[in-house]
Amino acid sequence: MSEHPRPYYPLEFPPPEARPRGVWVRQEEPEPAPVRRNWRVNAVLFVATVLSVIMTGAGWPPVSSFRDFSRATAAGWSFAVPLLAILLFHEFGHYIAARLHRVDASLPYFLPLPILSPFGTMGAVIAMRGRIRSRDALLDIGASGPLAGLVVAIPVLIVGLSLSTVGPIGSEHYVQEGQSLLYLALKRVVLGPIPAGYDVHLHPTAFAGWAGLLVTMLNLLPWGQLDGGHVAYALFGFRQDRMARLFRGALVPLFFYNLISFMWPVARGVSSLGWVPAFFNSLFWLMWFVVLGIIARASGGSEHPPTEPGVLSPGRRIVAAVTLVFFVLLFMPTPLANY
């Protein structure tokens, strides 16, 4: 995920798309002085994230023997290594694209989050100063991270699924991972048809690949200064601000869809889930509605910082369209549920 502050823009507003006969007046602005960043902070956060992800992958099981410890350690590494590889490719995709376009960007800041996160991390961010001048540069920086991450995530998921087993859904507690069109297709290709009442018991590597799909989907939300917001603004320009507001508003009906889906079986007595778990299973998209509001308030609004006049090159239009299609293929109506 890239983090880009709203730039200083001594330009005449509104932008040309918003005024039929307006004239875009460009004034020179001082480029921000390069910042000397302490790479040791990045290194410490990365090491802390590695340890957090390994412990999460190990599942914190009660260790009663050396065999249990060895099994837990192997599970931790087989989850942590592929997941961190996905995140590293994602963030360095942003970093390299930003450097190529001479945008002052930091190395990735990884965010460890043991216990509270099902993955042991909140991902990573890159801080960028100055502004992204052209739509071409905006597209390159926004799309490079998700596409680079998918280059790793899809093979990891295929390998992980080949190591997984298909078995009956147990009556005891289990976690149901979100289903997207791409994930369903890969399960069908690797494992074949799955009978009713059965599901994939994910190998830790498969869980890491699925987590990579989820993280990429969240980054591709077409809103604000998320990666998907960068891509959509590069493609649609000033119109994207209105579409982003509509998209955030659509998260509320999506929350109610999940609420009804989990609550209605409980009300009818055909589900033993319970009211409280059913309610918490429904909260994901409501939480993201709130998170996007907090991000908008912290960054000065939900509108994307404008770029200079110009359109995307034909090749980049194709890349933008492919990236947004990936968002559709990765979208999970119910990302995670506990039973």
Foldseek 3Di string as FASTA:
>chain_A
DEDEFFADAPWDDDDCVVDPPDDIDHDDDDADDADDDDCVQQVVQVVQLLVLQLQLQLVVDDDDDVVNVVSSNVSSCLQRVLLVVLLQQLQVQLVVLCVVQPWRKDRWRWAADHPVDSRRTPGTYIYTDDDDAALQSLLSNLLRRLVRSLVRLVVLLLVFQLVKDKDFDDPDKDKDAFDFQVNVVSNCVRPNDHDPRMDIPTRSSNVSSLVSLVVSLVQLLCWAPRSVVSLVCQAPNQVSHVVRVVSLVVLVVLLVVQLCVQVVCVVVVNDPCDNVLSNVQSCPSVVVSVVLVVVQVVSVHGGYRHHDDDHHDPVSNVSSVVSVVSSNRSDGSRRMGMD
